[in-house]
Amino acid sequence: MMKLAAICDHDTAVGLQLAGVHEISIPAGDPILSLDQIIQRSDIGVVFVTEKIAKNMGKQLKEFRLTRNLPIIVEIPDKTGHMADHVDFISYLIKRVVGIDIGKKEE
C-alpha cells in the first residue's frame, strides 16, 4: 500500500496530520533535500508540496516530474491560499491529455 507524504510548513503540517498524512517533512533549508529523501522510499505514492515550497524547488521539481512517474507530486496552497501566479500541474496534465480545462467554468 502506497503512503502519502508532504513537504510543507508547520501550519500546513498540522492540518495534513489531522487528515491522516503522517510522513511530513518541514524543510529548514533546501526543500529539494527533503524531496530527495522521500523519493528514495518505494512506499510513498503521493507527495503534497505547498505552492511556495514548490516554487522554491523550481527547475529541479520540473525535472523530477519529467523523469519519474512516482511519487506523484501534488501542489497545495498553504494557509494563505493559492498564489496568484500559480499553475496547477495536475489540471495542466489533465488538460493536455483530455483537451479540456477542468479549472474553468463555462458560462
N, C-alpha and C. Protein backbone atom coordinates (compact mmCIF):
# COMPACT_ATOMS: atom_id res chain seq x y z
N MET A 1 0.84 -1.19 0.00
CA MET A 1 0.00 0.00 0.00
C MET A 1 0.88 1.24 0.00
N MET A 2 0.59 2.15 -0.91
CA MET A 2 1.36 3.39 -1.01
C MET A 2 0.94 4.36 0.09
N LYS A 3 1.91 5.12 0.60
CA LYS A 3 1.66 6.10 1.64
C LYS A 3 1.66 7.50 1.07
N LEU A 4 1.08 8.42 1.83
CA LEU A 4 1.08 9.83 1.49
C LEU A 4 2.18 10.51 2.28
N ALA A 5 2.82 11.50 1.67
CA ALA A 5 3.85 12.28 2.33
C ALA A 5 3.62 13.75 2.01
N ALA A 6 4.30 14.63 2.74
CA ALA A 6 4.15 16.06 2.48
C ALA A 6 5.45 16.78 2.77
N ILE A 7 5.68 17.83 1.99
CA ILE A 7 6.76 18.77 2.25
C ILE A 7 6.07 20.11 2.39
N CYS A 8 6.06 20.64 3.60
CA CYS A 8 5.25 21.83 3.85
C CYS A 8 5.75 22.59 5.06
N ASP A 9 5.07 23.71 5.34
CA ASP A 9 5.36 24.50 6.54
C ASP A 9 4.66 23.87 7.74
N HIS A 10 4.98 24.38 8.92
CA HIS A 10 4.45 23.80 10.15
C HIS A 10 2.92 23.87 10.21
N ASP A 11 2.35 25.01 9.86
CA ASP A 11 0.89 25.17 9.94
C ASP A 11 0.16 24.19 9.02
N THR A 12 0.66 24.04 7.80
CA THR A 12 0.05 23.10 6.86
C THR A 12 0.24 21.67 7.36
N ALA A 13 1.37 21.39 7.98
CA ALA A 13 1.65 20.06 8.51
C ALA A 13 0.61 19.63 9.53
N VAL A 14 0.20 20.56 10.37
CA VAL A 14 -0.81 20.24 11.40
C VAL A 14 -2.11 19.79 10.72
N GLY A 15 -2.55 20.54 9.71
CA GLY A 15 -3.77 20.17 9.01
C GLY A 15 -3.66 18.84 8.29
N LEU A 16 -2.51 18.60 7.66
CA LEU A 16 -2.32 17.34 6.95
C LEU A 16 -2.25 16.16 7.92
N GLN A 17 -1.66 16.37 9.08
CA GLN A 17 -1.63 15.30 10.08
C GLN A 17 -3.04 14.95 10.54
N LEU A 18 -3.88 15.96 10.71
CA LEU A 18 -5.28 15.72 11.09
C LEU A 18 -6.02 14.98 9.98
N ALA A 19 -5.58 15.17 8.73
CA ALA A 19 -6.20 14.50 7.59
C ALA A 19 -5.64 13.10 7.37
N GLY A 20 -4.63 12.72 8.15
CA GLY A 20 -4.10 11.36 8.06
C GLY A 20 -2.75 11.22 7.37
N VAL A 21 -2.11 12.31 7.01
CA VAL A 21 -0.78 12.24 6.40
C VAL A 21 0.24 12.27 7.54
N HIS A 22 1.02 11.20 7.66
CA HIS A 22 1.96 11.11 8.78
C HIS A 22 3.42 11.22 8.37
N GLU A 23 3.71 11.14 7.08
CA GLU A 23 5.08 11.27 6.58
C GLU A 23 5.27 12.72 6.14
N ILE A 24 5.68 13.57 7.08
CA ILE A 24 5.76 15.01 6.80
C ILE A 24 7.17 15.52 7.02
N SER A 25 7.63 16.33 6.06
CA SER A 25 8.93 16.97 6.15
C SER A 25 8.72 18.48 6.14
N ILE A 26 9.27 19.15 7.14
CA ILE A 26 9.24 20.61 7.19
C ILE A 26 10.68 21.07 6.95
N PRO A 27 10.97 21.47 5.70
CA PRO A 27 12.36 21.78 5.36
C PRO A 27 12.89 23.01 6.09
N ALA A 28 14.07 22.88 6.66
CA ALA A 28 14.72 24.01 7.32
C ALA A 28 15.61 24.75 6.33
N GLY A 29 16.05 24.04 5.30
CA GLY A 29 16.91 24.64 4.29
C GLY A 29 16.35 24.39 2.91
N ASP A 30 17.14 23.74 2.07
CA ASP A 30 16.76 23.45 0.70
C ASP A 30 15.69 22.36 0.66
N PRO A 31 14.47 22.67 0.13
CA PRO A 31 13.41 21.66 0.10
C PRO A 31 13.70 20.49 -0.84
N ILE A 32 14.62 20.67 -1.78
CA ILE A 32 14.99 19.58 -2.68
C ILE A 32 15.60 18.42 -1.88
N LEU A 33 16.31 18.72 -0.81
CA LEU A 33 16.87 17.66 0.04
C LEU A 33 15.75 16.82 0.64
N SER A 34 14.65 17.46 1.04
CA SER A 34 13.50 16.72 1.58
C SER A 34 12.90 15.84 0.50
N LEU A 35 12.76 16.37 -0.71
CA LEU A 35 12.20 15.58 -1.81
C LEU A 35 13.12 14.41 -2.13
N ASP A 36 14.42 14.63 -2.15
CA ASP A 36 15.37 13.55 -2.43
C ASP A 36 15.23 12.41 -1.43
N GLN A 37 15.03 12.75 -0.15
CA GLN A 37 14.87 11.71 0.87
C GLN A 37 13.57 10.93 0.66
N ILE A 38 12.51 11.63 0.29
CA ILE A 38 11.21 10.98 0.10
C ILE A 38 11.22 10.07 -1.12
N ILE A 39 11.80 10.52 -2.23
CA ILE A 39 11.73 9.72 -3.45
C ILE A 39 12.60 8.47 -3.39
N GLN A 40 13.49 8.40 -2.43
CA GLN A 40 14.29 7.18 -2.26
C GLN A 40 13.47 6.06 -1.64
N ARG A 41 12.33 6.39 -1.08
CA ARG A 41 11.47 5.39 -0.47
C ARG A 41 10.49 4.85 -1.50
N SER A 42 10.34 3.55 -1.54
CA SER A 42 9.44 2.93 -2.52
C SER A 42 7.99 2.86 -2.04
N ASP A 43 7.73 3.20 -0.79
CA ASP A 43 6.38 3.09 -0.25
C ASP A 43 5.58 4.39 -0.33
N ILE A 44 6.16 5.45 -0.88
CA ILE A 44 5.47 6.74 -1.00
C ILE A 44 4.88 6.86 -2.40
N GLY A 45 3.57 7.09 -2.48
CA GLY A 45 2.89 7.20 -3.77
C GLY A 45 2.54 8.62 -4.16
N VAL A 46 2.23 9.46 -3.16
CA VAL A 46 1.84 10.85 -3.41
C VAL A 46 2.56 11.74 -2.42
N VAL A 47 3.09 12.86 -2.93
CA VAL A 47 3.73 13.86 -2.07
C VAL A 47 3.02 15.19 -2.26
N PHE A 48 2.48 15.71 -1.17
CA PHE A 48 1.87 17.04 -1.19
C PHE A 48 2.97 18.06 -0.90
N VAL A 49 3.05 19.08 -1.73
CA VAL A 49 4.03 20.15 -1.55
C VAL A 49 3.30 21.47 -1.61
N THR A 50 3.53 22.34 -0.63
CA THR A 50 2.87 23.65 -0.69
C THR A 50 3.41 24.42 -1.88
N GLU A 51 2.56 25.28 -2.44
CA GLU A 51 2.91 26.03 -3.64
C GLU A 51 4.17 26.85 -3.46
N LYS A 52 4.33 27.48 -2.29
CA LYS A 52 5.52 28.32 -2.06
C LYS A 52 6.79 27.47 -2.05
N ILE A 53 6.74 26.31 -1.44
CA ILE A 53 7.91 25.43 -1.42
C ILE A 53 8.18 24.90 -2.82
N ALA A 54 7.12 24.54 -3.54
CA ALA A 54 7.30 24.05 -4.91
C ALA A 54 7.94 25.12 -5.79
N LYS A 55 7.55 26.37 -5.59
CA LYS A 55 8.15 27.46 -6.36
C LYS A 55 9.65 27.57 -6.07
N ASN A 56 10.03 27.35 -4.82
CA ASN A 56 11.45 27.40 -4.45
C ASN A 56 12.23 26.22 -5.05
N MET A 57 11.55 25.11 -5.32
CA MET A 57 12.21 23.95 -5.91
C MET A 57 12.50 24.19 -7.40
N GLY A 58 11.66 24.99 -8.04
CA GLY A 58 11.87 25.40 -9.42
C GLY A 58 12.19 24.29 -10.40
N LYS A 59 13.32 24.43 -11.05
CA LYS A 59 13.73 23.55 -12.15
C LYS A 59 13.89 22.10 -11.70
N GLN A 60 14.39 21.89 -10.49
CA GLN A 60 14.60 20.52 -10.01
C GLN A 60 13.28 19.76 -9.91
N LEU A 61 12.22 20.43 -9.47
CA LEU A 61 10.91 19.78 -9.36
C LEU A 61 10.38 19.45 -10.75
N LYS A 62 10.55 20.35 -11.69
CA LYS A 62 10.10 20.10 -13.06
C LYS A 62 10.84 18.92 -13.66
N GLU A 63 12.15 18.84 -13.45
CA GLU A 63 12.95 17.72 -13.96
C GLU A 63 12.51 16.41 -13.33
N PHE A 64 12.21 16.43 -12.03
CA PHE A 64 11.74 15.23 -11.36
C PHE A 64 10.46 14.74 -12.01
N ARG A 65 9.52 15.64 -12.26
CA ARG A 65 8.24 15.26 -12.85
C ARG A 65 8.41 14.69 -14.25
N LEU A 66 9.39 15.16 -14.97
CA LEU A 66 9.61 14.68 -16.34
C LEU A 66 10.30 13.32 -16.37
N THR A 67 11.04 12.98 -15.33
CA THR A 67 11.82 11.74 -15.35
C THR A 67 11.23 10.62 -14.51
N ARG A 68 10.30 10.92 -13.59
CA ARG A 68 9.76 9.89 -12.70
C ARG A 68 8.24 9.92 -12.70
N ASN A 69 7.65 8.74 -12.59
CA ASN A 69 6.19 8.65 -12.50
C ASN A 69 5.70 8.66 -11.06
N LEU A 70 6.49 8.09 -10.17
CA LEU A 70 6.11 8.04 -8.75
C LEU A 70 7.25 8.56 -7.90
N PRO A 71 6.94 9.19 -6.84
CA PRO A 71 5.61 9.55 -6.37
C PRO A 71 5.04 10.72 -7.18
N ILE A 72 3.73 10.82 -7.15
CA ILE A 72 3.04 11.92 -7.80
C ILE A 72 3.16 13.14 -6.89
N ILE A 73 3.57 14.26 -7.45
CA ILE A 73 3.71 15.50 -6.68
C ILE A 73 2.45 16.34 -6.89
N VAL A 74 1.78 16.66 -5.81
CA VAL A 74 0.57 17.47 -5.86
C VAL A 74 0.83 18.75 -5.08
N GLU A 75 0.73 19.88 -5.78
CA GLU A 75 0.94 21.17 -5.12
C GLU A 75 -0.36 21.62 -4.48
N ILE A 76 -0.26 22.08 -3.24
CA ILE A 76 -1.42 22.53 -2.48
C ILE A 76 -1.15 23.93 -1.94
N PRO A 77 -2.20 24.72 -1.71
CA PRO A 77 -1.98 26.03 -1.10
C PRO A 77 -1.66 25.89 0.38
N ASP A 78 -0.98 26.89 0.93
CA ASP A 78 -0.78 26.90 2.37
C ASP A 78 -1.94 27.68 3.01
N LYS A 79 -1.79 28.07 4.26
CA LYS A 79 -2.90 28.72 4.96
C LYS A 79 -3.27 30.08 4.38
N THR A 80 -2.40 30.68 3.57
CA THR A 80 -2.70 31.98 2.97
C THR A 80 -3.50 31.84 1.68
N GLY A 81 -3.68 30.64 1.17
CA GLY A 81 -4.45 30.41 -0.05
C GLY A 81 -3.56 30.24 -1.27
N HIS A 82 -4.19 30.13 -2.44
CA HIS A 82 -3.44 29.94 -3.68
C HIS A 82 -2.60 31.16 -4.01
N MET A 83 -1.43 30.92 -4.56
CA MET A 83 -0.58 32.01 -5.04
C MET A 83 -1.18 32.54 -6.34
N ALA A 84 -1.08 33.83 -6.57
CA ALA A 84 -1.70 34.46 -7.73
C ALA A 84 -1.17 33.92 -9.05
N ASP A 85 0.11 33.64 -9.13
CA ASP A 85 0.72 33.20 -10.39
C ASP A 85 0.88 31.68 -10.48
N HIS A 86 0.20 30.96 -9.63
CA HIS A 86 0.38 29.51 -9.57
C HIS A 86 -0.32 28.79 -10.72
N VAL A 87 0.36 27.80 -11.29
CA VAL A 87 -0.21 26.94 -12.32
C VAL A 87 -0.41 25.56 -11.70
N ASP A 88 -1.64 25.10 -11.66
CA ASP A 88 -1.96 23.79 -11.08
C ASP A 88 -1.48 22.70 -12.04
N PHE A 89 -0.46 21.96 -11.65
CA PHE A 89 0.17 20.97 -12.52
C PHE A 89 -0.77 19.82 -12.86
N ILE A 90 -1.57 19.38 -11.90
CA ILE A 90 -2.50 18.27 -12.14
C ILE A 90 -3.55 18.69 -13.18
N SER A 91 -4.12 19.89 -13.03
CA SER A 91 -5.08 20.37 -14.03
C SER A 91 -4.43 20.53 -15.39
N TYR A 92 -3.18 20.98 -15.40
CA TYR A 92 -2.44 21.12 -16.65
C TYR A 92 -2.28 19.78 -17.35
N LEU A 93 -1.93 18.73 -16.59
CA LEU A 93 -1.78 17.40 -17.17
C LEU A 93 -3.10 16.88 -17.72
N ILE A 94 -4.17 17.08 -16.98
CA ILE A 94 -5.49 16.62 -17.44
C ILE A 94 -5.87 17.36 -18.73
N LYS A 95 -5.60 18.66 -18.77
CA LYS A 95 -5.91 19.43 -19.97
C LYS A 95 -5.12 18.91 -21.17
N ARG A 96 -3.85 18.56 -20.95
CA ARG A 96 -3.03 18.03 -22.04
C ARG A 96 -3.57 16.70 -22.54
N VAL A 97 -4.00 15.85 -21.65
CA VAL A 97 -4.47 14.52 -22.03
C VAL A 97 -5.88 14.55 -22.61
N VAL A 98 -6.78 15.25 -21.93
CA VAL A 98 -8.19 15.24 -22.30
C VAL A 98 -8.52 16.37 -23.28
N GLY A 99 -7.83 17.48 -23.16
CA GLY A 99 -8.10 18.63 -24.02
C GLY A 99 -9.11 19.59 -23.46
N ILE A 100 -9.45 19.43 -22.17
CA ILE A 100 -10.44 20.30 -21.53
C ILE A 100 -9.81 20.90 -20.28
N ASP A 101 -10.00 22.20 -20.10
CA ASP A 101 -9.51 22.87 -18.91
C ASP A 101 -10.53 22.68 -17.80
N ILE A 102 -10.27 21.78 -16.85
CA ILE A 102 -11.24 21.46 -15.81
C ILE A 102 -11.37 22.55 -14.76
N GLY A 103 -10.43 23.48 -14.73
CA GLY A 103 -10.46 24.54 -13.73
C GLY A 103 -11.33 25.72 -14.11
N LYS A 104 -11.72 25.82 -15.35
CA LYS A 104 -12.50 26.97 -15.82
C LYS A 104 -13.98 26.59 -15.94
N LYS A 105 -14.84 27.47 -15.46
CA LYS A 105 -16.28 27.28 -15.59
C LYS A 105 -16.72 27.86 -16.91
N GLU A 106 -17.51 27.10 -17.63
CA GLU A 106 -18.05 27.59 -18.90
C GLU A 106 -19.37 28.30 -18.61
N GLU A 107 -19.56 29.43 -19.23
CA GLU A 107 -20.79 30.20 -18.97
C GLU A 107 -21.63 30.25 -20.21
